[in-house]
Amino acid sequence: MTAAIELITAVLVTIGAAITLIGAFGLLRLHSFYERVHAPTLGTTLGTTCIVFSSMIYFGVQGAHFVLDGLLIIALLTATTPVTLLILVRAAVLRDRYERKEGISGTPANSYRRSTQDNLS
């Protein structure tokens, strides 16, 4: 294996680990739930993508295994992480509306449920 491929692999792993670590620090540093949930999501997606790309390059050049599974990991991670973020944030917004916390606009969750039930019947 050439030194250039090893260098590219090492740089991608280092960048991926650093981005993931920055996302983890964001989880610790930020104050509200809405701020906290955003940083690890970005760090996880981008950091893991860099690490998987480095794995695909390393094992692809080495010929040890097929790199299609790496593409599948990236596709599933890219699809599921933002969806999970969206579901968590929407649940938190509904909870905050129900508890009438400051800074959250909109109607309380009970009136939202009543209005959707009225529309369905």
Protein backbone atom coordinates (compact mmCIF):
# COMPACT_ATOMS: atom_id res chain seq x y z
CA MET A 1 0.00 0.00 0.00
CA THR A 2 1.33 3.38 -0.89
CA ALA A 3 2.13 6.03 1.64
CA ALA A 4 -0.31 8.44 -0.01
CA ILE A 5 -3.27 6.13 0.58
CA GLU A 6 -2.22 5.58 4.18
CA LEU A 7 -1.89 9.35 4.67
CA ILE A 8 -5.34 10.01 3.16
CA THR A 9 -6.85 7.31 5.36
CA ALA A 10 -5.16 8.69 8.49
CA VAL A 11 -6.28 12.24 7.70
CA LEU A 12 -9.89 11.16 7.13
CA VAL A 13 -9.98 9.14 10.36
CA THR A 14 -8.48 12.06 12.30
CA ILE A 15 -10.93 14.56 10.79
CA GLY A 16 -13.87 12.24 11.45
CA ALA A 17 -12.84 11.67 15.05
CA ALA A 18 -12.29 15.39 15.61
CA ILE A 19 -15.69 16.31 14.18
CA THR A 20 -17.41 13.67 16.30
CA LEU A 21 -15.55 14.91 19.38
CA ILE A 22 -16.60 18.51 18.64
CA GLY A 23 -20.21 17.32 18.43
CA ALA A 24 -19.85 15.59 21.78
CA PHE A 25 -18.43 18.77 23.34
CA GLY A 26 -21.38 20.66 21.89
CA LEU A 27 -23.68 18.29 23.74
CA LEU A 28 -21.94 19.12 27.00
CA ARG A 29 -21.50 22.85 26.39
CA LEU A 30 -24.85 23.97 25.04
CA HIS A 31 -27.67 24.76 27.43
CA SER A 32 -31.14 24.03 26.07
CA PHE A 33 -32.38 20.74 24.66
CA TYR A 34 -32.88 22.29 21.23
CA GLU A 35 -29.25 23.44 21.08
CA ARG A 36 -27.94 20.20 22.56
CA VAL A 37 -29.64 17.88 20.11
CA HIS A 38 -28.27 19.69 17.06
CA ALA A 39 -24.50 19.51 17.64
CA PRO A 40 -24.16 15.73 18.14
CA THR A 41 -26.37 15.07 15.14
CA LEU A 42 -24.11 17.03 12.82
CA GLY A 43 -20.99 15.63 14.44
CA THR A 44 -22.19 12.07 14.20
CA THR A 45 -23.26 12.31 10.58
CA LEU A 46 -20.19 14.08 9.22
CA GLY A 47 -17.65 12.40 11.51
CA THR A 48 -18.88 8.89 10.85
CA THR A 49 -19.05 9.61 7.12
CA CYS A 50 -15.36 10.59 7.12
CA ILE A 51 -14.40 7.49 9.08
CA VAL A 52 -16.40 5.20 6.79
CA PHE A 53 -14.88 6.86 3.70
CA SER A 54 -11.42 6.21 5.11
CA SER A 55 -12.35 2.58 5.69
CA MET A 56 -13.68 2.30 2.14
CA ILE A 57 -10.47 3.75 0.71
CA TYR A 58 -8.20 1.60 2.85
CA PHE A 59 -9.95 -1.71 2.25
CA GLY A 60 -10.80 -0.87 -1.36
CA VAL A 61 -7.15 -0.32 -2.26
CA GLN A 62 -6.06 -3.31 -0.24
CA GLY A 63 -8.66 -5.45 -2.01
CA ALA A 64 -9.70 -7.06 1.24
CA HIS A 65 -13.41 -6.44 0.94
CA PHE A 66 -16.08 -4.83 -1.19
CA VAL A 67 -16.85 -1.19 -0.34
CA LEU A 68 -20.59 -1.32 -1.03
CA ASP A 69 -21.36 -1.93 2.64
CA GLY A 70 -19.66 1.38 3.47
CA LEU A 71 -21.96 3.18 1.06
CA LEU A 72 -24.93 1.49 2.71
CA ILE A 73 -23.74 2.63 6.15
CA ILE A 74 -23.40 6.20 4.92
CA ALA A 75 -26.81 6.15 3.21
CA LEU A 76 -28.60 4.77 6.27
CA LEU A 77 -26.81 7.11 8.64
CA THR A 78 -27.54 10.12 6.47
CA ALA A 79 -31.21 9.15 6.26
CA THR A 80 -31.87 8.15 9.86
CA THR A 81 -29.94 10.71 11.91
CA PRO A 82 -31.81 13.84 10.70
CA VAL A 83 -35.15 12.02 10.92
CA THR A 84 -34.41 11.07 14.53
CA LEU A 85 -33.45 14.68 15.27
CA LEU A 86 -36.71 15.90 13.78
CA ILE A 87 -38.82 13.43 15.76
CA LEU A 88 -37.08 14.30 19.04
CA VAL A 89 -37.44 18.04 18.49
CA ARG A 90 -41.10 17.79 17.52
CA ALA A 91 -41.83 15.72 20.62
CA ALA A 92 -40.03 18.29 22.76
CA VAL A 93 -41.96 21.16 21.15
CA LEU A 94 -45.27 19.43 21.85
CA ARG A 95 -44.20 18.75 25.42
CA ASP A 96 -43.13 22.37 25.92
CA ARG A 97 -46.36 23.66 24.43
CA TYR A 98 -48.31 21.39 26.74
CA GLU A 99 -46.34 22.66 29.74
CA ARG A 100 -46.56 26.24 28.36
CA LYS A 101 -42.84 26.91 28.64
CA GLU A 102 -41.55 30.33 27.65
CA GLY A 103 -40.04 30.77 24.22
CA ILE A 104 -42.26 28.18 22.53
CA SER A 105 -45.01 29.64 20.41
CA GLY A 106 -48.14 27.88 19.29
CA THR A 107 -51.09 26.23 20.89
CA PRO A 108 -50.89 23.71 23.72
CA ALA A 109 -50.79 20.06 22.77
CA ASN A 110 -54.30 19.36 24.11
CA SER A 111 -55.90 21.94 21.84
CA TYR A 112 -53.79 20.59 18.97
CA ARG A 113 -55.13 17.10 19.62
CA ARG A 114 -58.70 18.38 19.88
CA SER A 115 -58.42 20.32 16.63
CA THR A 116 -57.04 17.33 14.73
CA GLN A 117 -59.72 15.06 16.17
CA ASP A 118 -62.40 17.56 15.11
CA ASN A 119 -60.96 17.61 11.60
CA LEU A 120 -60.96 13.82 11.40
CA SER A 121 -64.57 13.37 12.49
